[in-house]
Protein backbone atom coordinates (compact mmCIF):
# COMPACT_ATOMS: atom_id res chain seq x y z
CA MET A 1 56.64 -14.07 31.82
CA SER A 2 55.21 -11.39 33.54
CA LYS A 3 51.58 -11.65 35.27
CA LEU A 4 50.22 -8.77 32.90
CA THR A 5 51.76 -10.84 29.85
CA LYS A 6 49.63 -14.05 31.41
CA LEU A 7 46.79 -12.46 31.96
CA CYS A 8 46.70 -10.90 28.45
CA LEU A 9 47.12 -14.07 26.98
CA GLY A 10 44.69 -15.61 28.72
CA ALA A 11 42.28 -13.20 27.68
CA ALA A 12 43.06 -14.11 24.26
CA VAL A 13 42.79 -17.52 24.69
CA ALA A 14 39.18 -17.08 26.00
CA PHE A 15 38.47 -14.77 22.89
CA CYS A 16 39.61 -17.76 20.91
CA LEU A 17 37.26 -20.41 22.44
CA ALA A 18 34.51 -18.29 22.82
CA THR A 19 34.89 -17.13 18.99
CA PRO A 20 32.87 -19.87 16.51
CA VAL A 21 34.96 -20.98 13.74
CA LEU A 22 33.88 -19.80 10.55
CA ALA A 23 33.12 -22.48 7.36
CA ALA A 24 35.82 -21.25 4.62
CA ASP A 25 34.05 -19.42 1.89
CA PRO A 26 30.58 -19.95 2.96
CA THR A 27 28.07 -20.55 0.26
CA ALA A 28 24.38 -20.61 -0.08
CA ASP A 29 24.65 -25.20 0.20
CA THR A 30 26.57 -24.63 3.19
CA VAL A 31 24.82 -26.95 6.02
CA VAL A 32 24.21 -24.46 8.99
CA ALA A 33 22.66 -27.26 11.06
CA THR A 34 20.97 -30.63 10.31
CA VAL A 35 17.84 -31.87 11.59
CA ASN A 36 17.35 -35.59 11.74
CA GLY A 37 19.26 -36.12 8.58
CA THR A 38 17.70 -33.20 6.76
CA ASN A 39 19.92 -30.06 6.38
CA ILE A 40 19.39 -26.24 6.51
CA THR A 41 21.64 -24.26 4.84
CA LEU A 42 22.62 -20.67 4.84
CA GLY A 43 20.55 -20.45 1.14
CA ASN A 44 17.75 -21.48 3.17
CA MET A 45 18.42 -18.56 5.59
CA ILE A 46 18.95 -15.90 3.21
CA ALA A 47 16.10 -16.84 1.23
CA LEU A 48 13.84 -16.80 4.69
CA ARG A 49 15.44 -13.32 5.47
CA ASP A 50 14.38 -11.90 2.08
CA GLN A 51 10.54 -12.63 3.09
CA LEU A 52 10.71 -11.21 6.28
CA PRO A 53 9.07 -7.55 6.81
CA ALA A 54 11.69 -4.75 6.59
CA GLN A 55 10.95 -4.06 10.21
CA TYR A 56 12.99 -7.38 11.19
CA LYS A 57 15.28 -7.15 8.40
CA GLN A 58 16.75 -3.98 10.75
CA LEU A 59 17.55 -6.40 13.84
CA PRO A 60 21.16 -6.96 14.54
CA ALA A 61 22.50 -9.16 12.54
CA ASP A 62 23.66 -11.77 15.15
CA VAL A 63 19.92 -11.74 16.62
CA LEU A 64 18.14 -11.93 13.20
CA PHE A 65 20.88 -14.96 12.68
CA LYS A 66 19.81 -16.96 15.49
CA GLY A 67 16.34 -16.13 15.03
CA ILE A 68 16.04 -17.40 11.50
CA LEU A 69 17.97 -20.73 12.13
CA ASP A 70 15.71 -21.56 15.45
CA GLN A 71 12.57 -20.77 13.38
CA LEU A 72 13.97 -23.35 10.34
CA ILE A 73 14.88 -26.04 13.06
CA GLN A 74 11.17 -25.48 14.68
CA GLN A 75 9.91 -26.24 11.25
CA THR A 76 11.98 -28.92 10.16
CA THR A 77 10.71 -30.65 12.97
CA LEU A 78 7.48 -29.69 12.82
CA ALA A 79 7.30 -31.04 9.15
CA GLN A 80 8.99 -34.62 10.07
CA SER A 81 6.64 -34.46 12.56
CA LEU A 82 3.64 -35.57 9.87
CA GLY A 83 5.69 -38.03 8.18
CA ASP A 84 4.26 -39.08 4.83
CA LYS A 85 0.95 -38.13 6.32
CA LEU A 86 0.29 -35.14 3.73
CA THR A 87 -3.51 -34.87 3.22
CA LYS A 88 -5.16 -34.32 -0.26
CA LYS A 89 -5.19 -30.70 1.20
CA ASP A 90 -2.09 -30.56 2.35
CA THR A 91 -0.56 -31.33 -1.37
CA LEU A 92 -2.86 -28.81 -2.93
CA ALA A 93 -2.04 -26.25 -0.89
CA LEU A 94 1.72 -26.86 -1.30
CA GLU A 95 1.08 -26.76 -4.81
CA ASN A 96 -0.50 -23.48 -4.58
CA THR A 97 1.65 -21.86 -2.99
CA ARG A 98 4.61 -22.97 -5.36
CA ARG A 99 2.65 -21.65 -8.31
CA ALA A 100 1.72 -18.34 -6.31
CA TYR A 101 5.74 -17.49 -5.27
CA LEU A 102 6.89 -18.54 -8.48
CA ALA A 103 4.23 -16.14 -10.60
CA ASN A 104 4.94 -13.33 -8.10
CA GLU A 105 8.51 -13.55 -9.01
CA VAL A 106 7.91 -13.67 -12.77
CA LEU A 107 5.48 -10.00 -12.07
CA SER A 108 7.98 -8.60 -9.79
CA GLY A 109 10.88 -8.89 -12.37
CA VAL A 110 8.35 -7.10 -14.63
CA THR A 111 7.54 -4.29 -12.51
CA ALA A 112 11.11 -3.74 -11.67
CA ALA A 113 12.18 -3.61 -15.40
CA ALA A 114 9.39 -1.36 -16.97
CA VAL A 115 9.65 1.66 -13.91
CA THR A 116 12.14 3.10 -15.30
CA PRO A 117 13.32 7.43 -15.61
CA GLU A 118 12.37 7.37 -19.19
CA ALA A 119 9.12 5.38 -18.30
CA LEU A 120 8.45 7.80 -15.50
CA LYS A 121 9.16 10.79 -18.08
CA ALA A 122 7.01 9.49 -20.72
CA ALA A 123 4.19 9.17 -18.08
CA TYR A 124 4.14 12.16 -16.50
CA ASP A 125 4.50 13.57 -20.31
CA ALA A 126 1.19 12.11 -21.32
CA LYS A 127 -0.52 12.92 -18.10
CA TYR A 128 0.34 16.30 -17.18
CA ALA A 129 2.57 18.50 -19.83
CA SER A 130 -0.15 19.24 -22.64
CA ALA A 131 -3.33 18.54 -19.90
CA VAL A 132 -5.29 21.37 -19.62
CA PRO A 133 -4.71 22.37 -15.46
CA ALA A 134 -7.59 21.77 -13.35
CA THR A 135 -9.77 24.67 -11.84
CA GLU A 136 -9.21 25.02 -7.93
CA TYR A 137 -11.78 26.99 -5.63
CA HIS A 138 -11.85 28.89 -2.59
CA ALA A 139 -15.16 28.91 -0.89
CA ALA A 140 -17.16 29.46 2.73
CA HIS A 141 -20.10 27.91 3.76
CA ILE A 142 -22.75 28.07 6.53
CA LEU A 143 -23.65 24.64 7.32
CA VAL A 144 -27.23 24.06 9.34
CA PRO A 145 -29.05 21.02 10.51
CA THR A 146 -32.45 21.77 8.40
CA GLU A 147 -33.58 22.92 4.89
CA GLN A 148 -35.55 25.82 6.67
CA GLU A 149 -32.95 26.98 8.50
CA ALA A 150 -30.85 27.23 5.53
CA LYS A 151 -33.47 28.93 3.43
CA ASP A 152 -33.82 31.71 6.46
CA ILE A 153 -30.04 32.45 6.22
CA LYS A 154 -30.29 32.78 2.56
CA ALA A 155 -33.07 35.44 2.87
CA LYS A 156 -30.94 37.28 5.03
CA LEU A 157 -28.26 36.95 2.78
CA ASP A 158 -30.54 37.89 -0.01
CA ALA A 159 -31.44 41.08 2.24
CA GLY A 160 -27.78 42.22 2.26
CA GLY A 161 -26.69 40.12 4.85
CA ASP A 162 -23.05 39.73 5.74
CA PHE A 163 -21.59 35.98 5.02
CA ALA A 164 -18.86 35.61 7.07
CA ALA A 165 -21.06 37.47 10.12
CA LEU A 166 -23.76 34.80 9.24
CA ALA A 167 -21.58 32.06 9.25
CA LYS A 168 -19.84 33.05 12.81
CA ALA A 169 -23.48 32.53 14.24
CA ASN A 170 -24.94 29.94 12.54
CA SER A 171 -22.55 27.64 11.29
CA LYS A 172 -22.59 24.10 12.69
CA ASP A 173 -18.64 23.16 11.93
CA GLY A 174 -15.28 24.03 12.74
CA SER A 175 -14.88 26.72 9.73
CA ALA A 176 -17.29 28.94 11.43
CA ALA A 177 -14.58 30.86 13.62
CA ASN A 178 -13.60 31.76 10.40
CA GLY A 179 -16.54 33.05 8.74
CA GLY A 180 -16.91 29.71 7.02
CA ASP A 181 -13.92 30.11 4.83
CA LEU A 182 -12.97 26.65 3.68
CA GLY A 183 -9.65 27.51 1.91
CA TRP A 184 -8.66 26.29 -1.18
CA PHE A 185 -9.61 22.81 -2.64
CA GLY A 186 -10.04 21.01 -5.80
CA VAL A 187 -12.39 18.80 -7.77
CA GLY A 188 -12.26 15.45 -5.83
CA MET A 189 -11.90 16.61 -2.38
CA MET A 190 -15.73 17.85 -1.28
CA VAL A 191 -18.68 15.31 -1.32
CA LYS A 192 -20.34 15.14 -4.83
CA PRO A 193 -23.11 17.58 -4.55
CA PHE A 194 -21.21 20.07 -2.49
CA GLU A 195 -18.90 20.37 -5.46
CA ASP A 196 -21.51 20.30 -8.31
CA ALA A 197 -22.78 23.28 -6.45
CA VAL A 198 -19.39 25.50 -6.47
CA VAL A 199 -18.35 24.41 -9.79
CA LYS A 200 -21.79 26.21 -11.22
CA LEU A 201 -21.10 29.23 -9.31
CA LYS A 202 -19.02 32.20 -10.46
CA PRO A 203 -16.58 34.25 -7.93
CA GLY A 204 -18.92 36.49 -5.97
CA GLN A 205 -21.93 34.46 -5.81
CA ILE A 206 -24.23 32.37 -3.30
CA SER A 207 -25.90 29.32 -3.77
CA ASP A 208 -29.37 28.35 -2.73
CA PRO A 209 -29.63 25.65 -0.47
CA VAL A 210 -27.41 22.26 -0.53
CA GLN A 211 -28.04 19.40 1.04
CA THR A 212 -25.24 16.58 1.62
CA GLN A 213 -25.08 13.81 4.47
CA PHE A 214 -23.25 16.64 6.62
CA GLY A 215 -26.69 18.94 6.67
CA TRP A 216 -27.37 21.97 4.65
CA HIS A 217 -24.65 24.07 2.88
CA ILE A 218 -25.12 27.60 1.69
CA ILE A 219 -22.42 28.23 -0.17
CA LYS A 220 -20.22 31.59 -1.48
CA LEU A 221 -17.49 30.99 -4.12
CA ASP A 222 -14.70 33.70 -3.73
CA GLU A 223 -12.61 33.08 -6.67
CA THR A 224 -10.95 30.20 -8.40
CA ARG A 225 -7.32 29.74 -10.00
CA PRO A 226 -6.02 27.04 -11.97
CA ALA A 227 -4.14 24.14 -10.14
CA LYS A 228 -0.37 23.88 -10.09
CA THR A 229 0.90 21.14 -12.26
CA PRO A 230 2.65 18.97 -10.18
CA THR A 231 6.46 17.86 -10.21
CA ILE A 232 7.35 14.52 -11.26
CA ASP A 233 8.72 14.09 -7.90
CA ALA A 234 5.25 14.51 -6.11
CA VAL A 235 3.32 12.11 -8.22
CA LYS A 236 6.22 9.33 -8.43
CA ASP A 237 4.54 7.03 -6.11
CA GLU A 238 1.19 7.40 -8.75
CA LEU A 239 2.92 6.97 -12.12
CA THR A 240 5.15 3.79 -10.43
CA LYS A 241 1.48 2.12 -9.99
CA GLN A 242 0.10 2.90 -13.17
CA ILE A 243 3.22 1.47 -14.96
CA GLU A 244 3.36 -1.26 -13.08
CA GLN A 245 0.26 -2.12 -13.39
CA ALA A 246 0.15 -1.51 -17.40
CA ALA A 247 3.52 -3.92 -17.44
CA VAL A 248 1.94 -6.85 -15.20
CA THR A 249 -1.47 -6.43 -17.64
CA ALA A 250 0.70 -6.67 -20.60
CA LYS A 251 2.58 -9.27 -19.14
CA ILE A 252 -0.06 -11.68 -18.32
CA ASP A 253 -2.26 -10.85 -21.67
CA ALA A 254 0.84 -11.93 -23.81
CA LEU A 255 1.41 -15.13 -21.82
CA THR A 256 -2.08 -16.24 -21.78
CA LYS A 257 -2.60 -15.57 -25.37
CA GLY A 258 0.29 -17.64 -25.91
CA ALA A 259 -0.62 -20.54 -24.00
CA LYS A 260 -2.93 -23.20 -25.11
CA ILE A 261 -5.40 -22.97 -22.32
CA THR A 262 -8.42 -25.74 -22.17
CA ARG A 263 -11.14 -24.74 -19.99
CA THR A 264 -13.47 -27.57 -18.80
CA ASP A 265 -15.35 -25.70 -15.68
CA THR A 266 -19.10 -25.78 -17.80
CA GLY A 267 -21.62 -27.11 -15.67
CA ILE A 268 -19.62 -27.02 -12.48
CA ASP A 269 -21.71 -25.45 -9.75
CA PRO A 270 -19.51 -22.48 -8.19
CA LYS A 271 -21.02 -23.41 -4.82
CA LEU A 272 -18.83 -26.72 -5.19
CA LEU A 273 -16.02 -24.06 -3.67
CA GLN A 274 -17.83 -24.43 -0.33
CA ASP A 275 -17.62 -28.00 -0.02
CA GLU A 276 -14.33 -29.09 1.90
CA THR A 277 -15.52 -32.61 2.06
CA LEU A 278 -14.44 -33.03 -1.65
CA LEU A 279 -10.70 -32.92 -0.47
CA SER A 280 -11.23 -35.36 1.88
CA LYS A 281 -12.63 -37.93 -0.79
């Protein structure tokens, strides 16, 4: 046997010894560690991984595997250290955690089933297909600190002053460099007093002084146009939340109406929620 062959075989043996032996056909019940007789299974690990934030799920598989197993081992040893010394608070907290987890699983299934291409199309059509397009506004303004300054500028405009020139000379915000031009905006994008004044104007008109939390404005409406109807892709997230909320509300309503619920909270002081000493009695 040549030295080269021996070296190759030696390397292969070393590789085999370094490679862990995998369990045949592992399942969720496959034991990956035992801590004082308590089994930790591959299923435990998978379930924990599923609960991790997305950024952790992007870690290399070997790093994540070790990290999750280490965590489960540590948690098991810590839990075992309590023995049977669970307090009433511990027991109640575990009940609440289980209840919340199961409720969330039900609602996750409800929302997943509710959001379909057909449901998204129906929600889009209901909100946008037959709706009258909203109006967008193209306006400019001059912003000053006091009402008197605003009145003085309005008087100059009424006397034929140039709006853009006065904005450049007097306005106290970033739009001054562009002659006060604010570009196009829709309803809901400006503070309410400003928006209310704009909506009342006709193209070419200039407002009286308008006060907002930013100061005093003189507003000129240049033009209006119908707002473009958004595409279904542009509002998909919004529609998804709408569908999910409706599905969750319907599910909860149906279950609570069909359940036999007896409330016996009458006469209990709401302030008792703050009394943690009850958990030790």
